[in-house]
Every structure is written in C-alpha cells, then in structure tokens.
Amino acid sequence: MRKLRVLIGSAGADFCDVRKTALEHWGWEVIEACDGKQACAMLMAGHVDLCILDWELPKMSGLAACQWIRSVELKTRPYIVLMTEKNRPEQIQAAYLAGANDFLAQPFNLEDLHFLVSTFAQKVSQKDVQSRELTHIDPLELYRRDLTAVKACSRL
C-alpha cells in the first residue's frame, strides 16, 4: 500500500499536533496548514489524498475551503473530512453540500479518526490495484469489457 498524503487544516496547534502525531504513527505523510487559504495553496501545489479541515479556520473557513476544493481543477481530488464542534444536523448537511466526503464532531476520539482514515486508505489501495490490473490488460479486452458494460446498462 502506498503512503497516503494527508493535509490537516487547523487553527489550534494542540489539536493539530495530536492528529499529526497519530496519523504519522499510523504510517501516513502529513502536511499542515494554519488557515484555509494556506490549505488551498498547498492543494494547488501538490498531491494530497485526504484533507482534514477544521470548520473554523482563519482567513477562509473549512466549509469555504471545501467548496473551493470542489470548484477547481486539481491533479487529484482529495477526500475531505470536516471537523467541528457544531454537531447539529444543519452543519452536517452544510458540510456535505459543500462537497465534504465525511464529517467528524469534536471532541473526537482517535479510534474514530483511525477508522475513518484506514477505511479511506483501503479504498485507495483497492483503486490502485484495479488501475495496475487494467494497465496489463490487452486493449481489445478492455474494449470488449466496455461493450459488455454498455449492453448491461442498456437493458436496465
């Protein structure tokens, strides 16, 4: 499994340190942003698999950063987790409408974070394996598979 690159956007140094230490301990590469604009700049500059953004970030909120991420063309589309102390249904809905893939309410425990990130890493790993398998398949076989899929869809 390849090493995932995780961006943490957090205004609180203590929370960021705990998350960073845990994620690095679990084997992921972690980069940090202290505000929403810096997080967006880091996303434009390089490959990021997963963004964990606090809702309350200086200069640009995590919610606004999430909306921005989904509106621009990036090399890779990161999986976005918004974290907030606001565990109300309207905030959860706003997070998903902004393009977040998941939501964690604070205070959170590290087991929840580990489960969420591990599940995502497993999906990325499976996608990488499928991608490698497809590069070894004869182009005619790929074409045949596409035609079979189109036929199956047309029957629905």
C-alpha atoms as a PDB file:
ATOM      1  CA  MET A   1       0.000   0.000   0.000  1.00  0.00           C
ATOM      2  CA  ARG A   2       1.377   3.420  -0.923  1.00  0.00           C
ATOM      3  CA  LYS A   3       1.857   6.108   1.675  1.00  0.00           C
ATOM      4  CA  LEU A   4      -1.099   8.491   1.723  1.00  0.00           C
ATOM      5  CA  ARG A   5      -0.529  12.222   1.896  1.00  0.00           C
ATOM      6  CA  VAL A   6      -2.806  13.935   4.403  1.00  0.00           C
ATOM      7  CA  LEU A   7      -3.363  17.672   4.758  1.00  0.00           C
ATOM      8  CA  ILE A   8      -4.509  18.915   8.153  1.00  0.00           C
ATOM      9  CA  GLY A   9      -6.007  22.401   8.234  1.00  0.00           C
ATOM     10  CA  SER A  10      -6.275  23.551  11.814  1.00  0.00           C
ATOM     11  CA  ALA A  11      -6.012  26.827  13.719  1.00  0.00           C
ATOM     12  CA  GLY A  12      -5.441  25.080  17.049  1.00  0.00           C
ATOM     13  CA  ALA A  13      -1.858  23.868  17.429  1.00  0.00           C
ATOM     14  CA  ASP A  14      -2.718  21.321  20.154  1.00  0.00           C
ATOM     15  CA  PHE A  15      -5.426  19.568  18.119  1.00  0.00           C
ATOM     16  CA  CYS A  16      -3.259  19.652  15.027  1.00  0.00           C
ATOM     17  CA  ASP A  17      -0.294  18.139  16.888  1.00  0.00           C
ATOM     18  CA  VAL A  18      -2.396  15.266  18.248  1.00  0.00           C
ATOM     19  CA  ARG A  19      -3.853  14.483  14.832  1.00  0.00           C
ATOM     20  CA  LYS A  20      -0.493  14.825  13.084  1.00  0.00           C
ATOM     21  CA  THR A  21       1.286  12.564  15.570  1.00  0.00           C
ATOM     22  CA  ALA A  22      -1.436   9.919  15.330  1.00  0.00           C
ATOM     23  CA  LEU A  23      -1.567   9.978  11.520  1.00  0.00           C
ATOM     24  CA  GLU A  24       2.214   9.754  11.214  1.00  0.00           C
ATOM     25  CA  HIS A  25       2.236   6.892  13.718  1.00  0.00           C
ATOM     26  CA  TRP A  26      -0.290   5.069  11.513  1.00  0.00           C
ATOM     27  CA  GLY A  27       2.058   5.468   8.541  1.00  0.00           C
ATOM     28  CA  TRP A  28       0.780   8.463   6.593  1.00  0.00           C
ATOM     29  CA  GLU A  29       2.644  11.541   5.399  1.00  0.00           C
ATOM     30  CA  VAL A  30       1.179  14.665   6.994  1.00  0.00           C
ATOM     31  CA  ILE A  31       1.396  18.301   5.974  1.00  0.00           C
ATOM     32  CA  GLU A  32      -0.135  21.147   7.963  1.00  0.00           C
ATOM     33  CA  ALA A  33      -1.911  24.387   7.106  1.00  0.00           C
ATOM     34  CA  CYS A  34      -2.722  27.013   9.730  1.00  0.00           C
ATOM     35  CA  ASP A  35      -5.567  28.614   7.752  1.00  0.00           C
ATOM     36  CA  GLY A  36      -7.949  27.901   4.901  1.00  0.00           C
ATOM     37  CA  LYS A  37      -6.082  29.917   2.275  1.00  0.00           C
ATOM     38  CA  GLN A  38      -2.821  28.126   3.055  1.00  0.00           C
ATOM     39  CA  ALA A  39      -4.614  24.766   2.810  1.00  0.00           C
ATOM     40  CA  CYS A  40      -5.922  25.702  -0.663  1.00  0.00           C
ATOM     41  CA  ALA A  41      -2.452  26.829  -1.780  1.00  0.00           C
ATOM     42  CA  MET A  42      -0.960  23.519  -0.608  1.00  0.00           C
ATOM     43  CA  LEU A  43      -3.609  21.612  -2.538  1.00  0.00           C
ATOM     44  CA  MET A  44      -2.794  23.529  -5.718  1.00  0.00           C
ATOM     45  CA  ALA A  45       0.929  22.925  -5.218  1.00  0.00           C
ATOM     46  CA  GLY A  46       0.933  19.193  -4.748  1.00  0.00           C
ATOM     47  CA  HIS A  47      -0.680  15.811  -4.488  1.00  0.00           C
ATOM     48  CA  VAL A  48      -2.950  15.379  -1.443  1.00  0.00           C
ATOM     49  CA  ASP A  49      -5.097  12.293  -0.904  1.00  0.00           C
ATOM     50  CA  LEU A  50      -7.012  13.358   2.200  1.00  0.00           C
ATOM     51  CA  CYS A  51      -7.880  16.746   3.732  1.00  0.00           C
ATOM     52  CA  ILE A  52      -8.926  17.029   7.355  1.00  0.00           C
ATOM     53  CA  LEU A  53     -10.179  20.582   7.805  1.00  0.00           C
ATOM     54  CA  ASP A  54     -11.455  22.329  10.902  1.00  0.00           C
ATOM     55  CA  TRP A  55     -14.711  24.157  10.292  1.00  0.00           C
ATOM     56  CA  GLU A  56     -13.347  27.266  12.000  1.00  0.00           C
ATOM     57  CA  LEU A  57     -10.175  28.235  10.130  1.00  0.00           C
ATOM     58  CA  PRO A  58      -8.752  31.761   9.868  1.00  0.00           C
ATOM     59  CA  LYS A  59      -8.761  33.608   6.503  1.00  0.00           C
ATOM     60  CA  MET A  60     -11.103  31.016   4.927  1.00  0.00           C
ATOM     61  CA  SER A  61     -13.369  28.647   6.833  1.00  0.00           C
ATOM     62  CA  GLY A  62     -13.059  24.901   6.376  1.00  0.00           C
ATOM     63  CA  LEU A  63     -16.500  24.956   4.778  1.00  0.00           C
ATOM     64  CA  ALA A  64     -15.451  27.635   2.249  1.00  0.00           C
ATOM     65  CA  ALA A  65     -12.186  25.770   1.588  1.00  0.00           C
ATOM     66  CA  CYS A  66     -14.196  22.606   0.927  1.00  0.00           C
ATOM     67  CA  GLN A  67     -16.387  24.466  -1.570  1.00  0.00           C
ATOM     68  CA  TRP A  68     -13.289  25.893  -3.252  1.00  0.00           C
ATOM     69  CA  ILE A  69     -11.634  22.451  -3.488  1.00  0.00           C
ATOM     70  CA  ARG A  70     -14.679  21.052  -5.253  1.00  0.00           C
ATOM     71  CA  SER A  71     -14.894  24.005  -7.657  1.00  0.00           C
ATOM     72  CA  VAL A  72     -11.331  23.948  -9.036  1.00  0.00           C
ATOM     73  CA  GLU A  73      -9.418  21.518 -11.205  1.00  0.00           C
ATOM     74  CA  LEU A  74      -6.834  19.725  -9.039  1.00  0.00           C
ATOM     75  CA  LYS A  75      -4.414  16.970 -10.070  1.00  0.00           C
ATOM     76  CA  THR A  76      -6.129  14.669  -7.585  1.00  0.00           C
ATOM     77  CA  ARG A  77      -9.489  15.145  -5.929  1.00  0.00           C
ATOM     78  CA  PRO A  78      -8.895  14.703  -2.216  1.00  0.00           C
ATOM     79  CA  TYR A  79     -11.244  13.002   0.195  1.00  0.00           C
ATOM     80  CA  ILE A  80     -12.418  15.776   2.527  1.00  0.00           C
ATOM     81  CA  VAL A  81     -13.303  15.431   6.202  1.00  0.00           C
ATOM     82  CA  LEU A  82     -14.718  18.473   8.005  1.00  0.00           C
ATOM     83  CA  MET A  83     -14.311  18.639  11.771  1.00  0.00           C
ATOM     84  CA  THR A  84     -16.395  20.853  14.006  1.00  0.00           C
ATOM     85  CA  GLU A  85     -17.761  21.235  17.490  1.00  0.00           C
ATOM     86  CA  LYS A  86     -21.080  22.078  15.870  1.00  0.00           C
ATOM     87  CA  ASN A  87     -22.736  18.687  15.836  1.00  0.00           C
ATOM     88  CA  ARG A  88     -26.081  19.926  14.585  1.00  0.00           C
ATOM     89  CA  PRO A  89     -27.910  18.437  11.590  1.00  0.00           C
ATOM     90  CA  GLU A  90     -27.804  21.711   9.626  1.00  0.00           C
ATOM     91  CA  GLN A  91     -23.981  21.862   9.938  1.00  0.00           C
ATOM     92  CA  ILE A  92     -23.649  18.256   8.858  1.00  0.00           C
ATOM     93  CA  GLN A  93     -25.891  18.944   5.868  1.00  0.00           C
ATOM     94  CA  ALA A  94     -23.911  22.098   5.007  1.00  0.00           C
ATOM     95  CA  ALA A  95     -20.665  20.096   5.128  1.00  0.00           C
ATOM     96  CA  TYR A  96     -21.968  17.507   2.671  1.00  0.00           C
ATOM     97  CA  LEU A  97     -23.494  20.151   0.396  1.00  0.00           C
ATOM     98  CA  ALA A  98     -20.114  21.923   0.307  1.00  0.00           C
ATOM     99  CA  GLY A  99     -18.546  18.722  -1.003  1.00  0.00           C
ATOM    100  CA  ALA A 100     -17.232  17.060   2.150  1.00  0.00           C
ATOM    101  CA  ASN A 101     -16.979  13.282   1.998  1.00  0.00           C
ATOM    102  CA  ASP A 102     -17.216  12.846   5.745  1.00  0.00           C
ATOM    103  CA  PHE A 103     -17.749  14.708   8.987  1.00  0.00           C
ATOM    104  CA  LEU A 104     -16.251  14.307  12.465  1.00  0.00           C
ATOM    105  CA  ALA A 105     -17.630  16.074  15.524  1.00  0.00           C
ATOM    106  CA  GLN A 106     -15.200  17.302  18.152  1.00  0.00           C
ATOM    107  CA  PRO A 107     -14.243  16.217  20.637  1.00  0.00           C
ATOM    108  CA  PHE A 108     -13.430  13.061  18.729  1.00  0.00           C
ATOM    109  CA  ASN A 109     -11.508  10.027  19.823  1.00  0.00           C
ATOM    110  CA  LEU A 110      -8.502   8.770  17.917  1.00  0.00           C
ATOM    111  CA  GLU A 111     -10.190   5.426  17.233  1.00  0.00           C
ATOM    112  CA  ASP A 112     -12.854   7.211  15.154  1.00  0.00           C
ATOM    113  CA  LEU A 113     -10.188   9.099  13.216  1.00  0.00           C
ATOM    114  CA  HIS A 114      -8.163   5.912  12.697  1.00  0.00           C
ATOM    115  CA  PHE A 115     -11.204   4.008  11.428  1.00  0.00           C
ATOM    116  CA  LEU A 116     -12.145   6.810   9.025  1.00  0.00           C
ATOM    117  CA  VAL A 117      -8.633   7.213   7.593  1.00  0.00           C
ATOM    118  CA  SER A 118      -7.987   3.451   7.443  1.00  0.00           C
ATOM    119  CA  THR A 119     -11.210   2.889   5.534  1.00  0.00           C
ATOM    120  CA  PHE A 120     -10.239   5.595   3.061  1.00  0.00           C
ATOM    121  CA  ALA A 121      -6.713   4.151   2.697  1.00  0.00           C
ATOM    122  CA  GLN A 122      -8.176   0.737   1.954  1.00  0.00           C
ATOM    123  CA  LYS A 123     -10.356   2.202  -0.823  1.00  0.00           C
ATOM    124  CA  VAL A 124      -7.343   3.999  -2.327  1.00  0.00           C
ATOM    125  CA  SER A 125      -5.321   0.801  -2.200  1.00  0.00           C
ATOM    126  CA  GLN A 126      -8.073  -1.157  -3.977  1.00  0.00           C
ATOM    127  CA  LYS A 127      -8.352   1.541  -6.638  1.00  0.00           C
ATOM    128  CA  ASP A 128      -4.565   1.439  -7.178  1.00  0.00           C
ATOM    129  CA  VAL A 129      -4.647  -2.353  -7.595  1.00  0.00           C
ATOM    130  CA  GLN A 130      -7.505  -2.138 -10.107  1.00  0.00           C
ATOM    131  CA  SER A 131      -5.675   0.584 -12.006  1.00  0.00           C
ATOM    132  CA  ARG A 132      -2.500  -1.515 -12.221  1.00  0.00           C
ATOM    133  CA  GLU A 133      -4.511  -4.543 -13.354  1.00  0.00           C
ATOM    134  CA  LEU A 134      -6.141  -2.540 -16.132  1.00  0.00           C
ATOM    135  CA  THR A 135      -2.773  -1.395 -17.477  1.00  0.00           C
ATOM    136  CA  HIS A 136      -1.805  -5.054 -18.029  1.00  0.00           C
ATOM    137  CA  ILE A 137      -4.949  -5.978 -19.937  1.00  0.00           C
ATOM    138  CA  ASP A 138      -4.922  -6.150 -23.711  1.00  0.00           C
ATOM    139  CA  PRO A 139      -6.642  -3.057 -25.232  1.00  0.00           C
ATOM    140  CA  LEU A 140      -9.054  -5.298 -27.168  1.00  0.00           C
ATOM    141  CA  GLU A 141     -10.102  -6.969 -23.927  1.00  0.00           C
ATOM    142  CA  LEU A 142     -10.740  -3.543 -22.371  1.00  0.00           C
ATOM    143  CA  TYR A 143     -12.879  -2.630 -25.385  1.00  0.00           C
ATOM    144  CA  ARG A 144     -14.831  -5.889 -25.055  1.00  0.00           C
ATOM    145  CA  ARG A 145     -15.460  -5.157 -21.361  1.00  0.00           C
ATOM    146  CA  ASP A 146     -16.685  -1.652 -22.188  1.00  0.00           C
ATOM    147  CA  LEU A 147     -19.110  -3.026 -24.768  1.00  0.00           C
ATOM    148  CA  THR A 148     -20.398  -5.597 -22.267  1.00  0.00           C
ATOM    149  CA  ALA A 149     -20.963  -2.852 -19.686  1.00  0.00           C
ATOM    150  CA  VAL A 150     -22.832  -0.694 -22.222  1.00  0.00           C
ATOM    151  CA  LYS A 151     -25.079  -3.639 -23.153  1.00  0.00           C
ATOM    152  CA  ALA A 152     -25.834  -4.323 -19.488  1.00  0.00           C
ATOM    153  CA  CYS A 153     -26.753  -0.653 -18.912  1.00  0.00           C
ATOM    154  CA  SER A 154     -28.994  -0.510 -21.952  1.00  0.00           C
ATOM    155  CA  ARG A 155     -31.015  -3.452 -20.628  1.00  0.00           C
ATOM    156  CA  LEU A 156     -31.891  -1.537 -17.442  1.00  0.00           C
END
